[in-house]
Amino acid sequence: MRALVQAGVEQAQARSSVDDIIVKG
């Protein structure tokens, strides 16, 4: 579970021009 959410976050940060994140579910 943690590996999958971390991978998704990393994909998003690699694409985003801003790094600060908030996570919602």
PDBML (XML) file of the C-alpha atoms, coordinates in Angstrom:
<?xml version="1.0" encoding="UTF-8" ?>
<PDBx:datablock datablockName="MODEL"
   xmlns:PDBx="http://pdbml.pdb.org/schema/pdbx-v50.xsd"
   xmlns:xsi="http://www.w3.org/2001/XMLSchema-instance"
   xsi:schemaLocation="http://pdbml.pdb.org/schema/pdbx-v50.xsd pdbx-v50.xsd">
   <PDBx:atom_siteCategory>
      <PDBx:atom_site id="1">
         <PDBx:B_iso_or_equiv>0.00</PDBx:B_iso_or_equiv>
         <PDBx:Cartn_x>0.000</PDBx:Cartn_x>
         <PDBx:Cartn_y>0.000</PDBx:Cartn_y>
         <PDBx:Cartn_z>0.000</PDBx:Cartn_z>
         <PDBx:auth_asym_id>A</PDBx:auth_asym_id>
         <PDBx:auth_atom_id>CA</PDBx:auth_atom_id>
         <PDBx:auth_comp_id>MET</PDBx:auth_comp_id>
         <PDBx:auth_seq_id>1</PDBx:auth_seq_id>
         <PDBx:group_PDB>ATOM</PDBx:group_PDB>
         <PDBx:label_alt_id xsi:nil="true" />
         <PDBx:label_asym_id>A</PDBx:label_asym_id>
         <PDBx:label_atom_id>CA</PDBx:label_atom_id>
         <PDBx:label_comp_id>MET</PDBx:label_comp_id>
         <PDBx:label_entity_id>1</PDBx:label_entity_id>
         <PDBx:label_seq_id>1</PDBx:label_seq_id>
         <PDBx:occupancy>1.00</PDBx:occupancy>
         <PDBx:pdbx_PDB_model_num>1</PDBx:pdbx_PDB_model_num>
         <PDBx:type_symbol>C</PDBx:type_symbol>
      </PDBx:atom_site>
      <PDBx:atom_site id="2">
         <PDBx:B_iso_or_equiv>0.00</PDBx:B_iso_or_equiv>
         <PDBx:Cartn_x>2.738</PDBx:Cartn_x>
         <PDBx:Cartn_y>2.441</PDBx:Cartn_y>
         <PDBx:Cartn_z>0.966</PDBx:Cartn_z>
         <PDBx:auth_asym_id>A</PDBx:auth_asym_id>
         <PDBx:auth_atom_id>CA</PDBx:auth_atom_id>
         <PDBx:auth_comp_id>ARG</PDBx:auth_comp_id>
         <PDBx:auth_seq_id>2</PDBx:auth_seq_id>
         <PDBx:group_PDB>ATOM</PDBx:group_PDB>
         <PDBx:label_alt_id xsi:nil="true" />
         <PDBx:label_asym_id>A</PDBx:label_asym_id>
         <PDBx:label_atom_id>CA</PDBx:label_atom_id>
         <PDBx:label_comp_id>ARG</PDBx:label_comp_id>
         <PDBx:label_entity_id>1</PDBx:label_entity_id>
         <PDBx:label_seq_id>2</PDBx:label_seq_id>
         <PDBx:occupancy>1.00</PDBx:occupancy>
         <PDBx:pdbx_PDB_model_num>1</PDBx:pdbx_PDB_model_num>
         <PDBx:type_symbol>C</PDBx:type_symbol>
      </PDBx:atom_site>
      <PDBx:atom_site id="3">
         <PDBx:B_iso_or_equiv>0.00</PDBx:B_iso_or_equiv>
         <PDBx:Cartn_x>4.848</PDBx:Cartn_x>
         <PDBx:Cartn_y>1.609</PDBx:Cartn_y>
         <PDBx:Cartn_z>-2.079</PDBx:Cartn_z>
         <PDBx:auth_asym_id>A</PDBx:auth_asym_id>
         <PDBx:auth_atom_id>CA</PDBx:auth_atom_id>
         <PDBx:auth_comp_id>ALA</PDBx:auth_comp_id>
         <PDBx:auth_seq_id>3</PDBx:auth_seq_id>
         <PDBx:group_PDB>ATOM</PDBx:group_PDB>
         <PDBx:label_alt_id xsi:nil="true" />
         <PDBx:label_asym_id>A</PDBx:label_asym_id>
         <PDBx:label_atom_id>CA</PDBx:label_atom_id>
         <PDBx:label_comp_id>ALA</PDBx:label_comp_id>
         <PDBx:label_entity_id>1</PDBx:label_entity_id>
         <PDBx:label_seq_id>3</PDBx:label_seq_id>
         <PDBx:occupancy>1.00</PDBx:occupancy>
         <PDBx:pdbx_PDB_model_num>1</PDBx:pdbx_PDB_model_num>
         <PDBx:type_symbol>C</PDBx:type_symbol>
      </PDBx:atom_site>
      <PDBx:atom_site id="4">
         <PDBx:B_iso_or_equiv>0.00</PDBx:B_iso_or_equiv>
         <PDBx:Cartn_x>1.932</PDBx:Cartn_x>
         <PDBx:Cartn_y>2.242</PDBx:Cartn_y>
         <PDBx:Cartn_z>-4.433</PDBx:Cartn_z>
         <PDBx:auth_asym_id>A</PDBx:auth_asym_id>
         <PDBx:auth_atom_id>CA</PDBx:auth_atom_id>
         <PDBx:auth_comp_id>LEU</PDBx:auth_comp_id>
         <PDBx:auth_seq_id>4</PDBx:auth_seq_id>
         <PDBx:group_PDB>ATOM</PDBx:group_PDB>
         <PDBx:label_alt_id xsi:nil="true" />
         <PDBx:label_asym_id>A</PDBx:label_asym_id>
         <PDBx:label_atom_id>CA</PDBx:label_atom_id>
         <PDBx:label_comp_id>LEU</PDBx:label_comp_id>
         <PDBx:label_entity_id>1</PDBx:label_entity_id>
         <PDBx:label_seq_id>4</PDBx:label_seq_id>
         <PDBx:occupancy>1.00</PDBx:occupancy>
         <PDBx:pdbx_PDB_model_num>1</PDBx:pdbx_PDB_model_num>
         <PDBx:type_symbol>C</PDBx:type_symbol>
      </PDBx:atom_site>
      <PDBx:atom_site id="5">
         <PDBx:B_iso_or_equiv>0.00</PDBx:B_iso_or_equiv>
         <PDBx:Cartn_x>0.975</PDBx:Cartn_x>
         <PDBx:Cartn_y>5.567</PDBx:Cartn_y>
         <PDBx:Cartn_z>-2.905</PDBx:Cartn_z>
         <PDBx:auth_asym_id>A</PDBx:auth_asym_id>
         <PDBx:auth_atom_id>CA</PDBx:auth_atom_id>
         <PDBx:auth_comp_id>VAL</PDBx:auth_comp_id>
         <PDBx:auth_seq_id>5</PDBx:auth_seq_id>
         <PDBx:group_PDB>ATOM</PDBx:group_PDB>
         <PDBx:label_alt_id xsi:nil="true" />
         <PDBx:label_asym_id>A</PDBx:label_asym_id>
         <PDBx:label_atom_id>CA</PDBx:label_atom_id>
         <PDBx:label_comp_id>VAL</PDBx:label_comp_id>
         <PDBx:label_entity_id>1</PDBx:label_entity_id>
         <PDBx:label_seq_id>5</PDBx:label_seq_id>
         <PDBx:occupancy>1.00</PDBx:occupancy>
         <PDBx:pdbx_PDB_model_num>1</PDBx:pdbx_PDB_model_num>
         <PDBx:type_symbol>C</PDBx:type_symbol>
      </PDBx:atom_site>
      <PDBx:atom_site id="6">
         <PDBx:B_iso_or_equiv>0.00</PDBx:B_iso_or_equiv>
         <PDBx:Cartn_x>4.621</PDBx:Cartn_x>
         <PDBx:Cartn_y>6.665</PDBx:Cartn_y>
         <PDBx:Cartn_z>-2.867</PDBx:Cartn_z>
         <PDBx:auth_asym_id>A</PDBx:auth_asym_id>
         <PDBx:auth_atom_id>CA</PDBx:auth_atom_id>
         <PDBx:auth_comp_id>GLN</PDBx:auth_comp_id>
         <PDBx:auth_seq_id>6</PDBx:auth_seq_id>
         <PDBx:group_PDB>ATOM</PDBx:group_PDB>
         <PDBx:label_alt_id xsi:nil="true" />
         <PDBx:label_asym_id>A</PDBx:label_asym_id>
         <PDBx:label_atom_id>CA</PDBx:label_atom_id>
         <PDBx:label_comp_id>GLN</PDBx:label_comp_id>
         <PDBx:label_entity_id>1</PDBx:label_entity_id>
         <PDBx:label_seq_id>6</PDBx:label_seq_id>
         <PDBx:occupancy>1.00</PDBx:occupancy>
         <PDBx:pdbx_PDB_model_num>1</PDBx:pdbx_PDB_model_num>
         <PDBx:type_symbol>C</PDBx:type_symbol>
      </PDBx:atom_site>
      <PDBx:atom_site id="7">
         <PDBx:B_iso_or_equiv>0.00</PDBx:B_iso_or_equiv>
         <PDBx:Cartn_x>4.983</PDBx:Cartn_x>
         <PDBx:Cartn_y>5.737</PDBx:Cartn_y>
         <PDBx:Cartn_z>-6.545</PDBx:Cartn_z>
         <PDBx:auth_asym_id>A</PDBx:auth_asym_id>
         <PDBx:auth_atom_id>CA</PDBx:auth_atom_id>
         <PDBx:auth_comp_id>ALA</PDBx:auth_comp_id>
         <PDBx:auth_seq_id>7</PDBx:auth_seq_id>
         <PDBx:group_PDB>ATOM</PDBx:group_PDB>
         <PDBx:label_alt_id xsi:nil="true" />
         <PDBx:label_asym_id>A</PDBx:label_asym_id>
         <PDBx:label_atom_id>CA</PDBx:label_atom_id>
         <PDBx:label_comp_id>ALA</PDBx:label_comp_id>
         <PDBx:label_entity_id>1</PDBx:label_entity_id>
         <PDBx:label_seq_id>7</PDBx:label_seq_id>
         <PDBx:occupancy>1.00</PDBx:occupancy>
         <PDBx:pdbx_PDB_model_num>1</PDBx:pdbx_PDB_model_num>
         <PDBx:type_symbol>C</PDBx:type_symbol>
      </PDBx:atom_site>
      <PDBx:atom_site id="8">
         <PDBx:B_iso_or_equiv>0.00</PDBx:B_iso_or_equiv>
         <PDBx:Cartn_x>1.890</PDBx:Cartn_x>
         <PDBx:Cartn_y>7.776</PDBx:Cartn_y>
         <PDBx:Cartn_z>-7.423</PDBx:Cartn_z>
         <PDBx:auth_asym_id>A</PDBx:auth_asym_id>
         <PDBx:auth_atom_id>CA</PDBx:auth_atom_id>
         <PDBx:auth_comp_id>GLY</PDBx:auth_comp_id>
         <PDBx:auth_seq_id>8</PDBx:auth_seq_id>
         <PDBx:group_PDB>ATOM</PDBx:group_PDB>
         <PDBx:label_alt_id xsi:nil="true" />
         <PDBx:label_asym_id>A</PDBx:label_asym_id>
         <PDBx:label_atom_id>CA</PDBx:label_atom_id>
         <PDBx:label_comp_id>GLY</PDBx:label_comp_id>
         <PDBx:label_entity_id>1</PDBx:label_entity_id>
         <PDBx:label_seq_id>8</PDBx:label_seq_id>
         <PDBx:occupancy>1.00</PDBx:occupancy>
         <PDBx:pdbx_PDB_model_num>1</PDBx:pdbx_PDB_model_num>
         <PDBx:type_symbol>C</PDBx:type_symbol>
      </PDBx:atom_site>
      <PDBx:atom_site id="9">
         <PDBx:B_iso_or_equiv>0.00</PDBx:B_iso_or_equiv>
         <PDBx:Cartn_x>3.134</PDBx:Cartn_x>
         <PDBx:Cartn_y>10.782</PDBx:Cartn_y>
         <PDBx:Cartn_z>-5.488</PDBx:Cartn_z>
         <PDBx:auth_asym_id>A</PDBx:auth_asym_id>
         <PDBx:auth_atom_id>CA</PDBx:auth_atom_id>
         <PDBx:auth_comp_id>VAL</PDBx:auth_comp_id>
         <PDBx:auth_seq_id>9</PDBx:auth_seq_id>
         <PDBx:group_PDB>ATOM</PDBx:group_PDB>
         <PDBx:label_alt_id xsi:nil="true" />
         <PDBx:label_asym_id>A</PDBx:label_asym_id>
         <PDBx:label_atom_id>CA</PDBx:label_atom_id>
         <PDBx:label_comp_id>VAL</PDBx:label_comp_id>
         <PDBx:label_entity_id>1</PDBx:label_entity_id>
         <PDBx:label_seq_id>9</PDBx:label_seq_id>
         <PDBx:occupancy>1.00</PDBx:occupancy>
         <PDBx:pdbx_PDB_model_num>1</PDBx:pdbx_PDB_model_num>
         <PDBx:type_symbol>C</PDBx:type_symbol>
      </PDBx:atom_site>
      <PDBx:atom_site id="10">
         <PDBx:B_iso_or_equiv>0.00</PDBx:B_iso_or_equiv>
         <PDBx:Cartn_x>6.518</PDBx:Cartn_x>
         <PDBx:Cartn_y>10.581</PDBx:Cartn_y>
         <PDBx:Cartn_z>-7.177</PDBx:Cartn_z>
         <PDBx:auth_asym_id>A</PDBx:auth_asym_id>
         <PDBx:auth_atom_id>CA</PDBx:auth_atom_id>
         <PDBx:auth_comp_id>GLU</PDBx:auth_comp_id>
         <PDBx:auth_seq_id>10</PDBx:auth_seq_id>
         <PDBx:group_PDB>ATOM</PDBx:group_PDB>
         <PDBx:label_alt_id xsi:nil="true" />
         <PDBx:label_asym_id>A</PDBx:label_asym_id>
         <PDBx:label_atom_id>CA</PDBx:label_atom_id>
         <PDBx:label_comp_id>GLU</PDBx:label_comp_id>
         <PDBx:label_entity_id>1</PDBx:label_entity_id>
         <PDBx:label_seq_id>10</PDBx:label_seq_id>
         <PDBx:occupancy>1.00</PDBx:occupancy>
         <PDBx:pdbx_PDB_model_num>1</PDBx:pdbx_PDB_model_num>
         <PDBx:type_symbol>C</PDBx:type_symbol>
      </PDBx:atom_site>
      <PDBx:atom_site id="11">
         <PDBx:B_iso_or_equiv>0.00</PDBx:B_iso_or_equiv>
         <PDBx:Cartn_x>4.885</PDBx:Cartn_x>
         <PDBx:Cartn_y>10.392</PDBx:Cartn_y>
         <PDBx:Cartn_z>-10.614</PDBx:Cartn_z>
         <PDBx:auth_asym_id>A</PDBx:auth_asym_id>
         <PDBx:auth_atom_id>CA</PDBx:auth_atom_id>
         <PDBx:auth_comp_id>GLN</PDBx:auth_comp_id>
         <PDBx:auth_seq_id>11</PDBx:auth_seq_id>
         <PDBx:group_PDB>ATOM</PDBx:group_PDB>
         <PDBx:label_alt_id xsi:nil="true" />
         <PDBx:label_asym_id>A</PDBx:label_asym_id>
         <PDBx:label_atom_id>CA</PDBx:label_atom_id>
         <PDBx:label_comp_id>GLN</PDBx:label_comp_id>
         <PDBx:label_entity_id>1</PDBx:label_entity_id>
         <PDBx:label_seq_id>11</PDBx:label_seq_id>
         <PDBx:occupancy>1.00</PDBx:occupancy>
         <PDBx:pdbx_PDB_model_num>1</PDBx:pdbx_PDB_model_num>
         <PDBx:type_symbol>C</PDBx:type_symbol>
      </PDBx:atom_site>
      <PDBx:atom_site id="12">
         <PDBx:B_iso_or_equiv>0.00</PDBx:B_iso_or_equiv>
         <PDBx:Cartn_x>2.891</PDBx:Cartn_x>
         <PDBx:Cartn_y>13.512</PDBx:Cartn_y>
         <PDBx:Cartn_z>-9.841</PDBx:Cartn_z>
         <PDBx:auth_asym_id>A</PDBx:auth_asym_id>
         <PDBx:auth_atom_id>CA</PDBx:auth_atom_id>
         <PDBx:auth_comp_id>ALA</PDBx:auth_comp_id>
         <PDBx:auth_seq_id>12</PDBx:auth_seq_id>
         <PDBx:group_PDB>ATOM</PDBx:group_PDB>
         <PDBx:label_alt_id xsi:nil="true" />
         <PDBx:label_asym_id>A</PDBx:label_asym_id>
         <PDBx:label_atom_id>CA</PDBx:label_atom_id>
         <PDBx:label_comp_id>ALA</PDBx:label_comp_id>
         <PDBx:label_entity_id>1</PDBx:label_entity_id>
         <PDBx:label_seq_id>12</PDBx:label_seq_id>
         <PDBx:occupancy>1.00</PDBx:occupancy>
         <PDBx:pdbx_PDB_model_num>1</PDBx:pdbx_PDB_model_num>
         <PDBx:type_symbol>C</PDBx:type_symbol>
      </PDBx:atom_site>
      <PDBx:atom_site id="13">
         <PDBx:B_iso_or_equiv>0.00</PDBx:B_iso_or_equiv>
         <PDBx:Cartn_x>5.836</PDBx:Cartn_x>
         <PDBx:Cartn_y>15.447</PDBx:Cartn_y>
         <PDBx:Cartn_z>-8.435</PDBx:Cartn_z>
         <PDBx:auth_asym_id>A</PDBx:auth_asym_id>
         <PDBx:auth_atom_id>CA</PDBx:auth_atom_id>
         <PDBx:auth_comp_id>GLN</PDBx:auth_comp_id>
         <PDBx:auth_seq_id>13</PDBx:auth_seq_id>
         <PDBx:group_PDB>ATOM</PDBx:group_PDB>
         <PDBx:label_alt_id xsi:nil="true" />
         <PDBx:label_asym_id>A</PDBx:label_asym_id>
         <PDBx:label_atom_id>CA</PDBx:label_atom_id>
         <PDBx:label_comp_id>GLN</PDBx:label_comp_id>
         <PDBx:label_entity_id>1</PDBx:label_entity_id>
         <PDBx:label_seq_id>13</PDBx:label_seq_id>
         <PDBx:occupancy>1.00</PDBx:occupancy>
         <PDBx:pdbx_PDB_model_num>1</PDBx:pdbx_PDB_model_num>
         <PDBx:type_symbol>C</PDBx:type_symbol>
      </PDBx:atom_site>
      <PDBx:atom_site id="14">
         <PDBx:B_iso_or_equiv>0.00</PDBx:B_iso_or_equiv>
         <PDBx:Cartn_x>7.946</PDBx:Cartn_x>
         <PDBx:Cartn_y>14.571</PDBx:Cartn_y>
         <PDBx:Cartn_z>-11.475</PDBx:Cartn_z>
         <PDBx:auth_asym_id>A</PDBx:auth_asym_id>
         <PDBx:auth_atom_id>CA</PDBx:auth_atom_id>
         <PDBx:auth_comp_id>ALA</PDBx:auth_comp_id>
         <PDBx:auth_seq_id>14</PDBx:auth_seq_id>
         <PDBx:group_PDB>ATOM</PDBx:group_PDB>
         <PDBx:label_alt_id xsi:nil="true" />
         <PDBx:label_asym_id>A</PDBx:label_asym_id>
         <PDBx:label_atom_id>CA</PDBx:label_atom_id>
         <PDBx:label_comp_id>ALA</PDBx:label_comp_id>
         <PDBx:label_entity_id>1</PDBx:label_entity_id>
         <PDBx:label_seq_id>14</PDBx:label_seq_id>
         <PDBx:occupancy>1.00</PDBx:occupancy>
         <PDBx:pdbx_PDB_model_num>1</PDBx:pdbx_PDB_model_num>
         <PDBx:type_symbol>C</PDBx:type_symbol>
      </PDBx:atom_site>
      <PDBx:atom_site id="15">
         <PDBx:B_iso_or_equiv>0.00</PDBx:B_iso_or_equiv>
         <PDBx:Cartn_x>5.299</PDBx:Cartn_x>
         <PDBx:Cartn_y>16.147</PDBx:Cartn_y>
         <PDBx:Cartn_z>-13.696</PDBx:Cartn_z>
         <PDBx:auth_asym_id>A</PDBx:auth_asym_id>
         <PDBx:auth_atom_id>CA</PDBx:auth_atom_id>
         <PDBx:auth_comp_id>ARG</PDBx:auth_comp_id>
         <PDBx:auth_seq_id>15</PDBx:auth_seq_id>
         <PDBx:group_PDB>ATOM</PDBx:group_PDB>
         <PDBx:label_alt_id xsi:nil="true" />
         <PDBx:label_asym_id>A</PDBx:label_asym_id>
         <PDBx:label_atom_id>CA</PDBx:label_atom_id>
         <PDBx:label_comp_id>ARG</PDBx:label_comp_id>
         <PDBx:label_entity_id>1</PDBx:label_entity_id>
         <PDBx:label_seq_id>15</PDBx:label_seq_id>
         <PDBx:occupancy>1.00</PDBx:occupancy>
         <PDBx:pdbx_PDB_model_num>1</PDBx:pdbx_PDB_model_num>
         <PDBx:type_symbol>C</PDBx:type_symbol>
      </PDBx:atom_site>
      <PDBx:atom_site id="16">
         <PDBx:B_iso_or_equiv>0.00</PDBx:B_iso_or_equiv>
         <PDBx:Cartn_x>4.321</PDBx:Cartn_x>
         <PDBx:Cartn_y>19.088</PDBx:Cartn_y>
         <PDBx:Cartn_z>-11.527</PDBx:Cartn_z>
         <PDBx:auth_asym_id>A</PDBx:auth_asym_id>
         <PDBx:auth_atom_id>CA</PDBx:auth_atom_id>
         <PDBx:auth_comp_id>SER</PDBx:auth_comp_id>
         <PDBx:auth_seq_id>16</PDBx:auth_seq_id>
         <PDBx:group_PDB>ATOM</PDBx:group_PDB>
         <PDBx:label_alt_id xsi:nil="true" />
         <PDBx:label_asym_id>A</PDBx:label_asym_id>
         <PDBx:label_atom_id>CA</PDBx:label_atom_id>
         <PDBx:label_comp_id>SER</PDBx:label_comp_id>
         <PDBx:label_entity_id>1</PDBx:label_entity_id>
         <PDBx:label_seq_id>16</PDBx:label_seq_id>
         <PDBx:occupancy>1.00</PDBx:occupancy>
         <PDBx:pdbx_PDB_model_num>1</PDBx:pdbx_PDB_model_num>
         <PDBx:type_symbol>C</PDBx:type_symbol>
      </PDBx:atom_site>
      <PDBx:atom_site id="17">
         <PDBx:B_iso_or_equiv>0.00</PDBx:B_iso_or_equiv>
         <PDBx:Cartn_x>5.921</PDBx:Cartn_x>
         <PDBx:Cartn_y>22.524</PDBx:Cartn_y>
         <PDBx:Cartn_z>-11.609</PDBx:Cartn_z>
         <PDBx:auth_asym_id>A</PDBx:auth_asym_id>
         <PDBx:auth_atom_id>CA</PDBx:auth_atom_id>
         <PDBx:auth_comp_id>SER</PDBx:auth_comp_id>
         <PDBx:auth_seq_id>17</PDBx:auth_seq_id>
         <PDBx:group_PDB>ATOM</PDBx:group_PDB>
         <PDBx:label_alt_id xsi:nil="true" />
         <PDBx:label_asym_id>A</PDBx:label_asym_id>
         <PDBx:label_atom_id>CA</PDBx:label_atom_id>
         <PDBx:label_comp_id>SER</PDBx:label_comp_id>
         <PDBx:label_entity_id>1</PDBx:label_entity_id>
         <PDBx:label_seq_id>17</PDBx:label_seq_id>
         <PDBx:occupancy>1.00</PDBx:occupancy>
         <PDBx:pdbx_PDB_model_num>1</PDBx:pdbx_PDB_model_num>
         <PDBx:type_symbol>C</PDBx:type_symbol>
      </PDBx:atom_site>
      <PDBx:atom_site id="18">
         <PDBx:B_iso_or_equiv>0.00</PDBx:B_iso_or_equiv>
         <PDBx:Cartn_x>5.129</PDBx:Cartn_x>
         <PDBx:Cartn_y>22.855</PDBx:Cartn_y>
         <PDBx:Cartn_z>-7.889</PDBx:Cartn_z>
         <PDBx:auth_asym_id>A</PDBx:auth_asym_id>
         <PDBx:auth_atom_id>CA</PDBx:auth_atom_id>
         <PDBx:auth_comp_id>VAL</PDBx:auth_comp_id>
         <PDBx:auth_seq_id>18</PDBx:auth_seq_id>
         <PDBx:group_PDB>ATOM</PDBx:group_PDB>
         <PDBx:label_alt_id xsi:nil="true" />
         <PDBx:label_asym_id>A</PDBx:label_asym_id>
         <PDBx:label_atom_id>CA</PDBx:label_atom_id>
         <PDBx:label_comp_id>VAL</PDBx:label_comp_id>
         <PDBx:label_entity_id>1</PDBx:label_entity_id>
         <PDBx:label_seq_id>18</PDBx:label_seq_id>
         <PDBx:occupancy>1.00</PDBx:occupancy>
         <PDBx:pdbx_PDB_model_num>1</PDBx:pdbx_PDB_model_num>
         <PDBx:type_symbol>C</PDBx:type_symbol>
      </PDBx:atom_site>
      <PDBx:atom_site id="19">
         <PDBx:B_iso_or_equiv>0.00</PDBx:B_iso_or_equiv>
         <PDBx:Cartn_x>6.283</PDBx:Cartn_x>
         <PDBx:Cartn_y>20.387</PDBx:Cartn_y>
         <PDBx:Cartn_z>-5.257</PDBx:Cartn_z>
         <PDBx:auth_asym_id>A</PDBx:auth_asym_id>
         <PDBx:auth_atom_id>CA</PDBx:auth_atom_id>
         <PDBx:auth_comp_id>ASP</PDBx:auth_comp_id>
         <PDBx:auth_seq_id>19</PDBx:auth_seq_id>
         <PDBx:group_PDB>ATOM</PDBx:group_PDB>
         <PDBx:label_alt_id xsi:nil="true" />
         <PDBx:label_asym_id>A</PDBx:label_asym_id>
         <PDBx:label_atom_id>CA</PDBx:label_atom_id>
         <PDBx:label_comp_id>ASP</PDBx:label_comp_id>
         <PDBx:label_entity_id>1</PDBx:label_entity_id>
         <PDBx:label_seq_id>19</PDBx:label_seq_id>
         <PDBx:occupancy>1.00</PDBx:occupancy>
         <PDBx:pdbx_PDB_model_num>1</PDBx:pdbx_PDB_model_num>
         <PDBx:type_symbol>C</PDBx:type_symbol>
      </PDBx:atom_site>
      <PDBx:atom_site id="20">
         <PDBx:B_iso_or_equiv>0.00</PDBx:B_iso_or_equiv>
         <PDBx:Cartn_x>4.167</PDBx:Cartn_x>
         <PDBx:Cartn_y>21.199</PDBx:Cartn_y>
         <PDBx:Cartn_z>-2.193</PDBx:Cartn_z>
         <PDBx:auth_asym_id>A</PDBx:auth_asym_id>
         <PDBx:auth_atom_id>CA</PDBx:auth_atom_id>
         <PDBx:auth_comp_id>ASP</PDBx:auth_comp_id>
         <PDBx:auth_seq_id>20</PDBx:auth_seq_id>
         <PDBx:group_PDB>ATOM</PDBx:group_PDB>
         <PDBx:label_alt_id xsi:nil="true" />
         <PDBx:label_asym_id>A</PDBx:label_asym_id>
         <PDBx:label_atom_id>CA</PDBx:label_atom_id>
         <PDBx:label_comp_id>ASP</PDBx:label_comp_id>
         <PDBx:label_entity_id>1</PDBx:label_entity_id>
         <PDBx:label_seq_id>20</PDBx:label_seq_id>
         <PDBx:occupancy>1.00</PDBx:occupancy>
         <PDBx:pdbx_PDB_model_num>1</PDBx:pdbx_PDB_model_num>
         <PDBx:type_symbol>C</PDBx:type_symbol>
      </PDBx:atom_site>
      <PDBx:atom_site id="21">
         <PDBx:B_iso_or_equiv>0.00</PDBx:B_iso_or_equiv>
         <PDBx:Cartn_x>1.437</PDBx:Cartn_x>
         <PDBx:Cartn_y>18.570</PDBx:Cartn_y>
         <PDBx:Cartn_z>-1.844</PDBx:Cartn_z>
         <PDBx:auth_asym_id>A</PDBx:auth_asym_id>
         <PDBx:auth_atom_id>CA</PDBx:auth_atom_id>
         <PDBx:auth_comp_id>ILE</PDBx:auth_comp_id>
         <PDBx:auth_seq_id>21</PDBx:auth_seq_id>
         <PDBx:group_PDB>ATOM</PDBx:group_PDB>
         <PDBx:label_alt_id xsi:nil="true" />
         <PDBx:label_asym_id>A</PDBx:label_asym_id>
         <PDBx:label_atom_id>CA</PDBx:label_atom_id>
         <PDBx:label_comp_id>ILE</PDBx:label_comp_id>
         <PDBx:label_entity_id>1</PDBx:label_entity_id>
         <PDBx:label_seq_id>21</PDBx:label_seq_id>
         <PDBx:occupancy>1.00</PDBx:occupancy>
         <PDBx:pdbx_PDB_model_num>1</PDBx:pdbx_PDB_model_num>
         <PDBx:type_symbol>C</PDBx:type_symbol>
      </PDBx:atom_site>
      <PDBx:atom_site id="22">
         <PDBx:B_iso_or_equiv>0.00</PDBx:B_iso_or_equiv>
         <PDBx:Cartn_x>-1.730</PDBx:Cartn_x>
         <PDBx:Cartn_y>17.798</PDBx:Cartn_y>
         <PDBx:Cartn_z>0.066</PDBx:Cartn_z>
         <PDBx:auth_asym_id>A</PDBx:auth_asym_id>
         <PDBx:auth_atom_id>CA</PDBx:auth_atom_id>
         <PDBx:auth_comp_id>ILE</PDBx:auth_comp_id>
         <PDBx:auth_seq_id>22</PDBx:auth_seq_id>
         <PDBx:group_PDB>ATOM</PDBx:group_PDB>
         <PDBx:label_alt_id xsi:nil="true" />
         <PDBx:label_asym_id>A</PDBx:label_asym_id>
         <PDBx:label_atom_id>CA</PDBx:label_atom_id>
         <PDBx:label_comp_id>ILE</PDBx:label_comp_id>
         <PDBx:label_entity_id>1</PDBx:label_entity_id>
         <PDBx:label_seq_id>22</PDBx:label_seq_id>
         <PDBx:occupancy>1.00</PDBx:occupancy>
         <PDBx:pdbx_PDB_model_num>1</PDBx:pdbx_PDB_model_num>
         <PDBx:type_symbol>C</PDBx:type_symbol>
      </PDBx:atom_site>
      <PDBx:atom_site id="23">
         <PDBx:B_iso_or_equiv>0.00</PDBx:B_iso_or_equiv>
         <PDBx:Cartn_x>-3.161</PDBx:Cartn_x>
         <PDBx:Cartn_y>14.280</PDBx:Cartn_y>
         <PDBx:Cartn_z>-0.037</PDBx:Cartn_z>
         <PDBx:auth_asym_id>A</PDBx:auth_asym_id>
         <PDBx:auth_atom_id>CA</PDBx:auth_atom_id>
         <PDBx:auth_comp_id>VAL</PDBx:auth_comp_id>
         <PDBx:auth_seq_id>23</PDBx:auth_seq_id>
         <PDBx:group_PDB>ATOM</PDBx:group_PDB>
         <PDBx:label_alt_id xsi:nil="true" />
         <PDBx:label_asym_id>A</PDBx:label_asym_id>
         <PDBx:label_atom_id>CA</PDBx:label_atom_id>
         <PDBx:label_comp_id>VAL</PDBx:label_comp_id>
         <PDBx:label_entity_id>1</PDBx:label_entity_id>
         <PDBx:label_seq_id>23</PDBx:label_seq_id>
         <PDBx:occupancy>1.00</PDBx:occupancy>
         <PDBx:pdbx_PDB_model_num>1</PDBx:pdbx_PDB_model_num>
         <PDBx:type_symbol>C</PDBx:type_symbol>
      </PDBx:atom_site>
      <PDBx:atom_site id="24">
         <PDBx:B_iso_or_equiv>0.00</PDBx:B_iso_or_equiv>
         <PDBx:Cartn_x>-6.901</PDBx:Cartn_x>
         <PDBx:Cartn_y>13.579</PDBx:Cartn_y>
         <PDBx:Cartn_z>-0.027</PDBx:Cartn_z>
         <PDBx:auth_asym_id>A</PDBx:auth_asym_id>
         <PDBx:auth_atom_id>CA</PDBx:auth_atom_id>
         <PDBx:auth_comp_id>LYS</PDBx:auth_comp_id>
         <PDBx:auth_seq_id>24</PDBx:auth_seq_id>
         <PDBx:group_PDB>ATOM</PDBx:group_PDB>
         <PDBx:label_alt_id xsi:nil="true" />
         <PDBx:label_asym_id>A</PDBx:label_asym_id>
         <PDBx:label_atom_id>CA</PDBx:label_atom_id>
         <PDBx:label_comp_id>LYS</PDBx:label_comp_id>
         <PDBx:label_entity_id>1</PDBx:label_entity_id>
         <PDBx:label_seq_id>24</PDBx:label_seq_id>
         <PDBx:occupancy>1.00</PDBx:occupancy>
         <PDBx:pdbx_PDB_model_num>1</PDBx:pdbx_PDB_model_num>
         <PDBx:type_symbol>C</PDBx:type_symbol>
      </PDBx:atom_site>
      <PDBx:atom_site id="25">
         <PDBx:B_iso_or_equiv>0.00</PDBx:B_iso_or_equiv>
         <PDBx:Cartn_x>-8.769</PDBx:Cartn_x>
         <PDBx:Cartn_y>10.305</PDBx:Cartn_y>
         <PDBx:Cartn_z>-0.187</PDBx:Cartn_z>
         <PDBx:auth_asym_id>A</PDBx:auth_asym_id>
         <PDBx:auth_atom_id>CA</PDBx:auth_atom_id>
         <PDBx:auth_comp_id>GLY</PDBx:auth_comp_id>
         <PDBx:auth_seq_id>25</PDBx:auth_seq_id>
         <PDBx:group_PDB>ATOM</PDBx:group_PDB>
         <PDBx:label_alt_id xsi:nil="true" />
         <PDBx:label_asym_id>A</PDBx:label_asym_id>
         <PDBx:label_atom_id>CA</PDBx:label_atom_id>
         <PDBx:label_comp_id>GLY</PDBx:label_comp_id>
         <PDBx:label_entity_id>1</PDBx:label_entity_id>
         <PDBx:label_seq_id>25</PDBx:label_seq_id>
         <PDBx:occupancy>1.00</PDBx:occupancy>
         <PDBx:pdbx_PDB_model_num>1</PDBx:pdbx_PDB_model_num>
         <PDBx:type_symbol>C</PDBx:type_symbol>
      </PDBx:atom_site>
   </PDBx:atom_siteCategory>
</PDBx:datablock>
